[in-house]
Amino acid sequence: MDKLRFSGHETFIVRTFWPKKGYDFIKQGGKFSSEDAVVELGVGKNMVLSINFYLKALG
């Protein structure tokens, strides 16, 4: 069983299009740890971390 986490979303609630945006980003070979992730996703650094968190949380 995976460890439960109650942090990692950087205080952002999940936005409507974040799961799709994150999924498409990964399908195109993007990496959330990349410095270009901010530019490619069109969001701030903390939002990149949050999108990554929610993709993992949503499965």
Protein backbone atom coordinates (compact mmCIF):
# COMPACT_ATOMS: atom_id res chain seq x y z
CA MET A 1 0.00 0.00 0.00
CA ASP A 2 1.26 3.46 -0.85
CA LYS A 3 1.99 5.94 1.89
CA LEU A 4 -0.76 8.49 2.52
CA ARG A 5 0.15 12.13 1.90
CA PHE A 6 -1.74 15.19 3.00
CA SER A 7 0.54 17.72 1.35
CA GLY A 8 2.05 18.32 -2.07
CA HIS A 9 -0.75 20.29 -3.66
CA GLU A 10 0.90 23.62 -2.77
CA THR A 11 -2.47 24.85 -1.36
CA PHE A 12 -4.11 24.78 -4.81
CA ILE A 13 -7.37 22.98 -5.40
CA VAL A 14 -7.45 20.84 -8.52
CA ARG A 15 -8.42 22.96 -11.53
CA THR A 16 -10.81 21.69 -14.20
CA PHE A 17 -8.27 21.16 -16.98
CA TRP A 18 -5.17 20.27 -14.93
CA PRO A 19 -5.57 16.49 -15.20
CA LYS A 20 -5.87 16.66 -19.00
CA LYS A 21 -3.10 19.22 -19.30
CA GLY A 22 -0.80 17.08 -17.15
CA TYR A 23 -1.73 13.89 -19.01
CA ASP A 24 -1.04 15.49 -22.39
CA PHE A 25 2.26 16.86 -21.06
CA ILE A 26 3.40 13.39 -20.00
CA LYS A 27 2.23 11.79 -23.27
CA GLN A 28 4.41 14.29 -25.18
CA GLY A 29 7.42 13.15 -23.14
CA GLY A 30 7.43 16.08 -20.70
CA LYS A 31 8.92 15.78 -17.25
CA PHE A 32 7.62 17.73 -14.27
CA SER A 33 11.17 18.05 -12.93
CA SER A 34 12.25 19.87 -16.10
CA GLU A 35 12.82 23.63 -15.94
CA ASP A 36 10.78 23.90 -19.17
CA ALA A 37 7.67 22.43 -17.50
CA VAL A 38 6.63 25.92 -16.34
CA VAL A 39 6.73 27.26 -19.90
CA GLU A 40 5.24 24.18 -21.56
CA LEU A 41 2.32 23.94 -19.11
CA GLY A 42 1.82 27.71 -18.98
CA VAL A 43 1.55 27.85 -15.20
CA GLY A 44 3.76 28.87 -12.28
CA LYS A 45 6.37 26.67 -10.60
CA ASN A 46 4.15 25.80 -7.63
CA MET A 47 1.27 24.96 -9.97
CA VAL A 48 3.52 22.52 -11.85
CA LEU A 49 4.17 20.74 -8.54
CA SER A 50 0.45 20.78 -7.80
CA ILE A 51 -0.51 19.33 -11.20
CA ASN A 52 2.02 16.55 -10.68
CA PHE A 53 0.57 15.87 -7.20
CA TYR A 54 -3.02 15.69 -8.44
CA LEU A 55 -2.14 13.40 -11.35
CA LYS A 56 -0.63 10.95 -8.87
CA ALA A 57 -3.55 11.35 -6.46
CA LEU A 58 -6.18 10.85 -9.17
CA GLY A 59 -4.38 7.83 -10.58
